[in-house]
Protein backbone atom coordinates (compact mmCIF):
# COMPACT_ATOMS: atom_id res chain seq x y z
CA MET A 1 -0.31 17.55 15.00
CA GLU A 2 3.49 17.39 15.02
CA ILE A 3 3.74 13.88 13.59
CA PRO A 4 1.36 14.43 10.63
CA LEU A 5 3.09 17.71 9.82
CA ALA A 6 6.49 16.00 9.93
CA ILE A 7 5.25 13.32 7.51
CA LEU A 8 3.91 15.95 5.11
CA GLU A 9 7.16 17.88 5.31
CA LYS A 10 9.18 14.71 4.65
CA TYR A 11 7.35 13.99 1.38
CA LYS A 12 6.92 17.60 0.27
CA GLY A 13 8.03 18.05 -3.34
CA MET A 14 8.99 14.38 -3.86
CA ASP A 15 6.36 13.61 -6.48
CA ALA A 16 7.00 15.05 -9.94
CA ASN A 17 3.25 15.10 -10.67
CA GLY A 18 2.55 17.45 -7.77
CA LYS A 19 0.77 14.89 -5.58
CA LEU A 20 1.05 15.34 -1.84
CA LEU A 21 2.23 11.80 -0.98
CA PRO A 22 3.88 9.12 -3.14
CA LEU A 23 1.34 6.62 -4.47
CA LEU A 24 1.89 3.04 -5.60
CA THR A 25 0.31 1.68 -8.73
CA GLN A 26 -2.08 -1.23 -8.38
CA GLU A 27 0.52 -3.50 -9.96
CA SER A 28 3.26 -2.54 -7.50
CA MET A 29 0.81 -2.75 -4.58
CA ASN A 30 -0.08 -6.32 -5.60
CA ILE A 31 3.60 -7.27 -5.80
CA HIS A 32 4.13 -6.03 -2.23
CA LEU A 33 0.98 -7.83 -1.04
CA LYS A 34 2.15 -11.12 -2.55
CA LYS A 35 5.50 -10.78 -0.77
CA MET A 36 3.72 -10.10 2.54
CA ALA A 37 1.39 -13.07 1.96
CA VAL A 38 4.40 -15.37 1.59
CA MET A 39 5.93 -13.95 4.77
CA CYS A 40 2.64 -14.55 6.62
CA GLY A 41 2.17 -18.06 5.29
CA ILE A 42 -0.93 -17.21 3.21
CA ASN A 43 -1.14 -19.81 0.45
CA ARG A 44 -3.91 -18.39 -1.71
CA PRO A 45 -4.05 -15.81 -4.48
CA ILE A 46 -4.08 -12.31 -3.06
CA SER A 47 -4.56 -8.86 -4.54
CA PHE A 48 -5.52 -5.38 -3.41
CA HIS A 49 -9.06 -6.01 -4.66
CA CYS A 50 -9.42 -9.13 -2.44
CA GLY A 51 -9.26 -6.94 0.66
CA ARG A 52 -12.71 -5.55 -0.13
CA HIS A 53 -14.32 -8.94 0.37
CA ILE A 54 -14.52 -10.02 4.02
CA ASN A 55 -15.54 -13.59 3.15
CA PHE A 56 -12.24 -14.00 1.26
CA TRP A 57 -10.36 -13.94 4.56
CA LEU A 58 -12.70 -16.17 6.60
């Protein structure tokens, strides 16, 4: 349990809203996903929601 405790300690008190870990908004998550898609050579629209649909990736 050392590693999980170290992660929790690292982020302790960082969020002004009192959340335990920093969270990305859906908009910022989609921006990061689009950057990763370009890096991976994926040439189709991608969003966080797409990940829920297995047939999207096949």
